[in-house]
Amino acid sequence: MLHFDGTTNNNTNLNMKSRRGFASMDPVKQREIASKGGRAAHEKGTAHEWTGEEAKEAGRKGGAASHRRVPNVLEQ
């Protein structure tokens, strides 16, 4: 069977990912939809509100993760 992206059902294109649904949308359209969801959650009262302590901890973890040294395969 021929698919919209020109691939077939055989396994020749296993490494290719098809962009379907939300992933195939324009980034601006994605942001608009996500923003509507965020606003709706706040209006409903179910949105998460970060405390200062939670934000501090998240920033610490993110900074530590982004500065962790990843071994380079070429340096062996």
PDB file of N, CA and C in Angstrom:
ATOM      1  N   MET A   1       0.841  -1.178   0.000  1.00  0.00           N
ATOM      2  CA  MET A   1       0.000   0.000   0.000  1.00  0.00           C
ATOM      3  C   MET A   1       0.889   1.245   0.000  1.00  0.00           C
ATOM      4  N   LEU A   2       0.574   2.207  -0.819  1.00  0.00           N
ATOM      5  CA  LEU A   2       1.324   3.453  -0.902  1.00  0.00           C
ATOM      6  C   LEU A   2       0.738   4.467   0.065  1.00  0.00           C
ATOM      7  N   HIS A   3       1.604   5.084   0.893  1.00  0.00           N
ATOM      8  CA  HIS A   3       1.155   6.063   1.883  1.00  0.00           C
ATOM      9  C   HIS A   3       1.318   7.474   1.338  1.00  0.00           C
ATOM     10  N   PHE A   4       0.767   8.445   2.066  1.00  0.00           N
ATOM     11  CA  PHE A   4       0.791   9.844   1.627  1.00  0.00           C
ATOM     12  C   PHE A   4       2.205  10.379   1.463  1.00  0.00           C
ATOM     13  N   ASP A   5       3.175   9.822   2.185  1.00  0.00           N
ATOM     14  CA  ASP A   5       4.545  10.326   2.087  1.00  0.00           C
ATOM     15  C   ASP A   5       5.379   9.566   1.069  1.00  0.00           C
ATOM     16  N   GLY A   6       4.737   8.688   0.293  1.00  0.00           N
ATOM     17  CA  GLY A   6       5.442   7.968  -0.754  1.00  0.00           C
ATOM     18  C   GLY A   6       6.043   6.652  -0.297  1.00  0.00           C
ATOM     19  N   THR A   7       5.911   6.293   0.970  1.00  0.00           N
ATOM     20  CA  THR A   7       6.464   5.034   1.459  1.00  0.00           C
ATOM     21  C   THR A   7       5.455   3.917   1.245  1.00  0.00           C
ATOM     22  N   THR A   8       5.917   2.713   1.393  1.00  0.00           N
ATOM     23  CA  THR A   8       5.047   1.550   1.264  1.00  0.00           C
ATOM     24  C   THR A   8       5.057   0.779   2.570  1.00  0.00           C
ATOM     25  N   ASN A   9       4.288  -0.304   2.634  1.00  0.00           N
ATOM     26  CA  ASN A   9       4.207  -1.098   3.854  1.00  0.00           C
ATOM     27  C   ASN A   9       5.445  -1.949   4.103  1.00  0.00           C
ATOM     28  N   ASN A  10       6.316  -2.106   3.121  1.00  0.00           N
ATOM     29  CA  ASN A  10       7.501  -2.909   3.403  1.00  0.00           C
ATOM     30  C   ASN A  10       8.396  -2.144   4.369  1.00  0.00           C
ATOM     31  N   ASN A  11       9.337  -2.809   4.971  1.00  0.00           N
ATOM     32  CA  ASN A  11      10.133  -2.225   6.048  1.00  0.00           C
ATOM     33  C   ASN A  11      11.374  -1.484   5.556  1.00  0.00           C
ATOM     34  N   THR A  12      11.341  -0.907   4.390  1.00  0.00           N
ATOM     35  CA  THR A  12      12.514  -0.214   3.865  1.00  0.00           C
ATOM     36  C   THR A  12      12.735   1.137   4.521  1.00  0.00           C
ATOM     37  N   ASN A  13      11.711   1.718   5.110  1.00  0.00           N
ATOM     38  CA  ASN A  13      11.828   3.054   5.689  1.00  0.00           C
ATOM     39  C   ASN A  13      11.566   3.039   7.198  1.00  0.00           C
ATOM     40  N   LEU A  14      12.176   2.117   7.929  1.00  0.00           N
ATOM     41  CA  LEU A  14      11.944   2.008   9.363  1.00  0.00           C
ATOM     42  C   LEU A  14      12.420   3.230  10.127  1.00  0.00           C
ATOM     43  N   ASN A  15      13.454   3.905   9.648  1.00  0.00           N
ATOM     44  CA  ASN A  15      13.999   5.042  10.369  1.00  0.00           C
ATOM     45  C   ASN A  15      13.217   6.330  10.150  1.00  0.00           C
ATOM     46  N   MET A  16      12.325   6.360   9.178  1.00  0.00           N
ATOM     47  CA  MET A  16      11.546   7.563   8.898  1.00  0.00           C
ATOM     48  C   MET A  16      10.336   7.611   9.816  1.00  0.00           C
ATOM     49  N   LYS A  17      10.065   8.771  10.381  1.00  0.00           N
ATOM     50  CA  LYS A  17       8.875   8.956  11.201  1.00  0.00           C
ATOM     51  C   LYS A  17       7.899   9.819  10.422  1.00  0.00           C
ATOM     52  N   SER A  18       6.649   9.404  10.422  1.00  0.00           N
ATOM     53  CA  SER A  18       5.650  10.239   9.753  1.00  0.00           C
ATOM     54  C   SER A  18       5.133  11.257  10.762  1.00  0.00           C
ATOM     55  N   ARG A  19       4.911  12.459  10.289  1.00  0.00           N
ATOM     56  CA  ARG A  19       4.401  13.526  11.156  1.00  0.00           C
ATOM     57  C   ARG A  19       2.892  13.549  10.982  1.00  0.00           C
ATOM     58  N   ARG A  20       2.195  13.075  12.027  1.00  0.00           N
ATOM     59  CA  ARG A  20       0.743  13.024  11.966  1.00  0.00           C
ATOM     60  C   ARG A  20       0.162  13.835  13.113  1.00  0.00           C
ATOM     61  N   GLY A  21      -1.060  14.260  12.954  1.00  0.00           N
ATOM     62  CA  GLY A  21      -1.772  14.936  14.020  1.00  0.00           C
ATOM     63  C   GLY A  21      -1.111  16.234  14.458  1.00  0.00           C
ATOM     64  N   PHE A  22      -0.965  16.365  15.777  1.00  0.00           N
ATOM     65  CA  PHE A  22      -0.421  17.592  16.365  1.00  0.00           C
ATOM     66  C   PHE A  22       0.982  17.890  15.845  1.00  0.00           C
ATOM     67  N   ALA A  23       1.797  16.852  15.658  1.00  0.00           N
ATOM     68  CA  ALA A  23       3.178  17.040  15.207  1.00  0.00           C
ATOM     69  C   ALA A  23       3.265  17.590  13.790  1.00  0.00           C
ATOM     70  N   SER A  24       2.248  17.366  12.994  1.00  0.00           N
ATOM     71  CA  SER A  24       2.296  17.827  11.608  1.00  0.00           C
ATOM     72  C   SER A  24       1.831  19.269  11.449  1.00  0.00           C
ATOM     73  N   MET A  25       1.283  19.837  12.520  1.00  0.00           N
ATOM     74  CA  MET A  25       0.764  21.207  12.442  1.00  0.00           C
ATOM     75  C   MET A  25       1.876  22.240  12.454  1.00  0.00           C
ATOM     76  N   ASP A  26       1.546  23.385  11.956  1.00  0.00           N
ATOM     77  CA  ASP A  26       2.431  24.536  12.012  1.00  0.00           C
ATOM     78  C   ASP A  26       2.701  24.872  13.485  1.00  0.00           C
ATOM     79  N   PRO A  27       3.945  25.175  13.865  1.00  0.00           N
ATOM     80  CA  PRO A  27       4.263  25.489  15.264  1.00  0.00           C
ATOM     81  C   PRO A  27       3.407  26.616  15.853  1.00  0.00           C
ATOM     82  N   VAL A  28       3.031  27.574  15.046  1.00  0.00           N
ATOM     83  CA  VAL A  28       2.184  28.673  15.535  1.00  0.00           C
ATOM     84  C   VAL A  28       0.802  28.129  15.907  1.00  0.00           C
ATOM     85  N   LYS A  29       0.266  27.242  15.075  1.00  0.00           N
ATOM     86  CA  LYS A  29      -1.040  26.638  15.349  1.00  0.00           C
ATOM     87  C   LYS A  29      -0.966  25.766  16.604  1.00  0.00           C
ATOM     88  N   GLN A  30       0.137  25.023  16.782  1.00  0.00           N
ATOM     89  CA  GLN A  30       0.326  24.209  17.981  1.00  0.00           C
ATOM     90  C   GLN A  30       0.289  25.082  19.233  1.00  0.00           C
ATOM     91  N   ARG A  31       0.997  26.218  19.170  1.00  0.00           N
ATOM     92  CA  ARG A  31       1.070  27.125  20.310  1.00  0.00           C
ATOM     93  C   ARG A  31      -0.310  27.692  20.647  1.00  0.00           C
ATOM     94  N   GLU A  32      -1.089  28.019  19.610  1.00  0.00           N
ATOM     95  CA  GLU A  32      -2.441  28.546  19.829  1.00  0.00           C
ATOM     96  C   GLU A  32      -3.310  27.523  20.555  1.00  0.00           C
ATOM     97  N   ILE A  33      -3.254  26.271  20.117  1.00  0.00           N
ATOM     98  CA  ILE A  33      -4.058  25.221  20.728  1.00  0.00           C
ATOM     99  C   ILE A  33      -3.615  24.978  22.167  1.00  0.00           C
ATOM    100  N   ALA A  34      -2.307  24.900  22.391  1.00  0.00           N
ATOM    101  CA  ALA A  34      -1.788  24.676  23.741  1.00  0.00           C
ATOM    102  C   ALA A  34      -2.156  25.830  24.666  1.00  0.00           C
ATOM    103  N   SER A  35      -2.120  27.032  24.140  1.00  0.00           N
ATOM    104  CA  SER A  35      -2.472  28.200  24.943  1.00  0.00           C
ATOM    105  C   SER A  35      -3.932  28.154  25.375  1.00  0.00           C
ATOM    106  N   LYS A  36      -4.811  27.739  24.463  1.00  0.00           N
ATOM    107  CA  LYS A  36      -6.233  27.618  24.808  1.00  0.00           C
ATOM    108  C   LYS A  36      -6.417  26.593  25.920  1.00  0.00           C
ATOM    109  N   GLY A  37      -5.684  25.488  25.854  1.00  0.00           N
ATOM    110  CA  GLY A  37      -5.781  24.469  26.894  1.00  0.00           C
ATOM    111  C   GLY A  37      -5.301  24.994  28.235  1.00  0.00           C
ATOM    112  N   GLY A  38      -4.222  25.750  28.222  1.00  0.00           N
ATOM    113  CA  GLY A  38      -3.706  26.328  29.460  1.00  0.00           C
ATOM    114  C   GLY A  38      -4.671  27.316  30.086  1.00  0.00           C
ATOM    115  N   ARG A  39      -5.251  28.163  29.244  1.00  0.00           N
ATOM    116  CA  ARG A  39      -6.220  29.139  29.751  1.00  0.00           C
ATOM    117  C   ARG A  39      -7.442  28.444  30.325  1.00  0.00           C
ATOM    118  N   ALA A  40      -7.906  27.391  29.642  1.00  0.00           N
ATOM    119  CA  ALA A  40      -9.081  26.651  30.106  1.00  0.00           C
ATOM    120  C   ALA A  40      -8.801  25.992  31.458  1.00  0.00           C
ATOM    121  N   ALA A  41      -7.601  25.448  31.623  1.00  0.00           N
ATOM    122  CA  ALA A  41      -7.248  24.798  32.889  1.00  0.00           C
ATOM    123  C   ALA A  41      -7.214  25.814  34.028  1.00  0.00           C
ATOM    124  N   HIS A  42      -6.716  27.011  33.766  1.00  0.00           N
ATOM    125  CA  HIS A  42      -6.681  28.043  34.802  1.00  0.00           C
ATOM    126  C   HIS A  42      -8.099  28.483  35.165  1.00  0.00           C
ATOM    127  N   GLU A  43      -8.952  28.642  34.152  1.00  0.00           N
ATOM    128  CA  GLU A  43     -10.336  29.047  34.422  1.00  0.00           C
ATOM    129  C   GLU A  43     -11.071  27.984  35.230  1.00  0.00           C
ATOM    130  N   LYS A  44     -10.772  26.729  34.931  1.00  0.00           N
ATOM    131  CA  LYS A  44     -11.415  25.615  35.619  1.00  0.00           C
ATOM    132  C   LYS A  44     -10.845  25.418  37.023  1.00  0.00           C
ATOM    133  N   GLY A  45      -9.624  25.891  37.226  1.00  0.00           N
ATOM    134  CA  GLY A  45      -8.990  25.753  38.523  1.00  0.00           C
ATOM    135  C   GLY A  45      -8.151  24.502  38.674  1.00  0.00           C
ATOM    136  N   THR A  46      -7.857  23.831  37.556  1.00  0.00           N
ATOM    137  CA  THR A  46      -7.083  22.590  37.619  1.00  0.00           C
ATOM    138  C   THR A  46      -5.641  22.767  37.165  1.00  0.00           C
ATOM    139  N   ALA A  47      -5.260  23.967  36.802  1.00  0.00           N
ATOM    140  CA  ALA A  47      -3.893  24.216  36.337  1.00  0.00           C
ATOM    141  C   ALA A  47      -2.933  24.210  37.524  1.00  0.00           C
ATOM    142  N   HIS A  48      -1.717  23.771  37.278  1.00  0.00           N
ATOM    143  CA  HIS A  48      -0.708  23.751  38.337  1.00  0.00           C
ATOM    144  C   HIS A  48      -0.131  25.141  38.532  1.00  0.00           C
ATOM    145  N   GLU A  49      -0.095  25.585  39.766  1.00  0.00           N
ATOM    146  CA  GLU A  49       0.519  26.865  40.108  1.00  0.00           C
ATOM    147  C   GLU A  49       1.827  26.564  40.828  1.00  0.00           C
ATOM    148  N   TRP A  50       2.935  27.004  40.270  1.00  0.00           N
ATOM    149  CA  TRP A  50       4.245  26.748  40.866  1.00  0.00           C
ATOM    150  C   TRP A  50       4.434  27.619  42.106  1.00  0.00           C
ATOM    151  N   THR A  51       4.907  26.997  43.172  1.00  0.00           N
ATOM    152  CA  THR A  51       5.318  27.775  44.336  1.00  0.00           C
ATOM    153  C   THR A  51       6.760  28.206  44.088  1.00  0.00           C
ATOM    154  N   GLY A  52       7.229  29.162  44.838  1.00  0.00           N
ATOM    155  CA  GLY A  52       8.612  29.595  44.685  1.00  0.00           C
ATOM    156  C   GLY A  52       9.590  28.462  44.933  1.00  0.00           C
ATOM    157  N   GLU A  53       9.287  27.608  45.905  1.00  0.00           N
ATOM    158  CA  GLU A  53      10.169  26.492  46.231  1.00  0.00           C
ATOM    159  C   GLU A  53      10.194  25.456  45.100  1.00  0.00           C
ATOM    160  N   GLU A  54       9.028  25.161  44.511  1.00  0.00           N
ATOM    161  CA  GLU A  54       8.968  24.217  43.388  1.00  0.00           C
ATOM    162  C   GLU A  54       9.752  24.745  42.188  1.00  0.00           C
ATOM    163  N   ALA A  55       9.600  26.021  41.895  1.00  0.00           N
ATOM    164  CA  ALA A  55      10.308  26.618  40.766  1.00  0.00           C
ATOM    165  C   ALA A  55      11.811  26.583  40.994  1.00  0.00           C
ATOM    166  N   LYS A  56      12.220  26.859  42.220  1.00  0.00           N
ATOM    167  CA  LYS A  56      13.647  26.832  42.562  1.00  0.00           C
ATOM    168  C   LYS A  56      14.218  25.428  42.354  1.00  0.00           C
ATOM    169  N   GLU A  57      13.504  24.414  42.834  1.00  0.00           N
ATOM    170  CA  GLU A  57      13.958  23.024  42.700  1.00  0.00           C
ATOM    171  C   GLU A  57      14.011  22.595  41.232  1.00  0.00           C
ATOM    172  N   ALA A  58      12.996  22.967  40.459  1.00  0.00           N
ATOM    173  CA  ALA A  58      12.969  22.614  39.038  1.00  0.00           C
ATOM    174  C   ALA A  58      14.137  23.268  38.297  1.00  0.00           C
ATOM    175  N   GLY A  59      14.415  24.516  38.618  1.00  0.00           N
ATOM    176  CA  GLY A  59      15.538  25.211  37.992  1.00  0.00           C
ATOM    177  C   GLY A  59      16.868  24.577  38.348  1.00  0.00           C
ATOM    178  N   ARG A  60      16.994  24.150  39.593  1.00  0.00           N
ATOM    179  CA  ARG A  60      18.231  23.485  40.027  1.00  0.00           C
ATOM    180  C   ARG A  60      18.425  22.176  39.279  1.00  0.00           C
ATOM    181  N   LYS A  61      17.368  21.386  39.184  1.00  0.00           N
ATOM    182  CA  LYS A  61      17.457  20.099  38.480  1.00  0.00           C
ATOM    183  C   LYS A  61      17.741  20.298  36.993  1.00  0.00           C
ATOM    184  N   GLY A  62      17.069  21.270  36.387  1.00  0.00           N
ATOM    185  CA  GLY A  62      17.281  21.527  34.954  1.00  0.00           C
ATOM    186  C   GLY A  62      18.690  21.994  34.675  1.00  0.00           C
ATOM    187  N   GLY A  63      19.203  22.870  35.527  1.00  0.00           N
ATOM    188  CA  GLY A  63      20.568  23.351  35.359  1.00  0.00           C
ATOM    189  C   GLY A  63      21.584  22.235  35.517  1.00  0.00           C
ATOM    190  N   ALA A  64      21.361  21.366  36.503  1.00  0.00           N
ATOM    191  CA  ALA A  64      22.277  20.248  36.719  1.00  0.00           C
ATOM    192  C   ALA A  64      22.247  19.293  35.534  1.00  0.00           C
ATOM    193  N   ALA A  65      21.062  19.031  34.997  1.00  0.00           N
ATOM    194  CA  ALA A  65      20.938  18.109  33.877  1.00  0.00           C
ATOM    195  C   ALA A  65      21.575  18.676  32.613  1.00  0.00           C
ATOM    196  N   SER A  66      21.419  19.969  32.402  1.00  0.00           N
ATOM    197  CA  SER A  66      21.954  20.557  31.170  1.00  0.00           C
ATOM    198  C   SER A  66      23.467  20.731  31.220  1.00  0.00           C
ATOM    199  N   HIS A  67      24.041  20.694  32.401  1.00  0.00           N
ATOM    200  CA  HIS A  67      25.485  20.867  32.520  1.00  0.00           C
ATOM    201  C   HIS A  67      26.230  19.569  32.826  1.00  0.00           C
ATOM    202  N   ARG A  68      25.495  18.465  32.834  1.00  0.00           N
ATOM    203  CA  ARG A  68      26.113  17.168  33.064  1.00  0.00           C
ATOM    204  C   ARG A  68      26.962  16.808  31.849  1.00  0.00           C
ATOM    205  N   ARG A  69      28.152  16.317  32.083  1.00  0.00           N
ATOM    206  CA  ARG A  69      29.048  15.967  30.982  1.00  0.00           C
ATOM    207  C   ARG A  69      28.607  14.657  30.360  1.00  0.00           C
ATOM    208  N   VAL A  70      28.442  14.667  29.048  1.00  0.00           N
ATOM    209  CA  VAL A  70      28.095  13.468  28.304  1.00  0.00           C
ATOM    210  C   VAL A  70      29.348  13.004  27.586  1.00  0.00           C
ATOM    211  N   PRO A  71      29.800  11.780  27.827  1.00  0.00           N
ATOM    212  CA  PRO A  71      31.022  11.306  27.176  1.00  0.00           C
ATOM    213  C   PRO A  71      30.883  11.338  25.651  1.00  0.00           C
ATOM    214  N   ASN A  72      31.913  11.790  25.007  1.00  0.00           N
ATOM    215  CA  ASN A  72      31.930  11.854  23.551  1.00  0.00           C
ATOM    216  C   ASN A  72      32.516  10.554  23.018  1.00  0.00           C
ATOM    217  N   VAL A  73      31.791   9.892  22.141  1.00  0.00           N
ATOM    218  CA  VAL A  73      32.224   8.601  21.593  1.00  0.00           C
ATOM    219  C   VAL A  73      33.543   8.767  20.825  1.00  0.00           C
ATOM    220  N   LEU A  74      33.755   9.919  20.219  1.00  0.00           N
ATOM    221  CA  LEU A  74      34.968  10.138  19.421  1.00  0.00           C
ATOM    222  C   LEU A  74      36.218  10.317  20.273  1.00  0.00           C
ATOM    223  N   GLU A  75      36.070  10.587  21.589  1.00  0.00           N
ATOM    224  CA  GLU A  75      37.216  10.815  22.448  1.00  0.00           C
ATOM    225  C   GLU A  75      37.857   9.541  22.955  1.00  0.00           C
ATOM    226  N   GLN A  76      37.317   8.383  22.644  1.00  0.00           N
ATOM    227  CA  GLN A  76      37.829   7.114  23.178  1.00  0.00           C
ATOM    228  C   GLN A  76      39.158   6.747  22.618  1.00  0.00           C
TER     229      GLN A  76
END
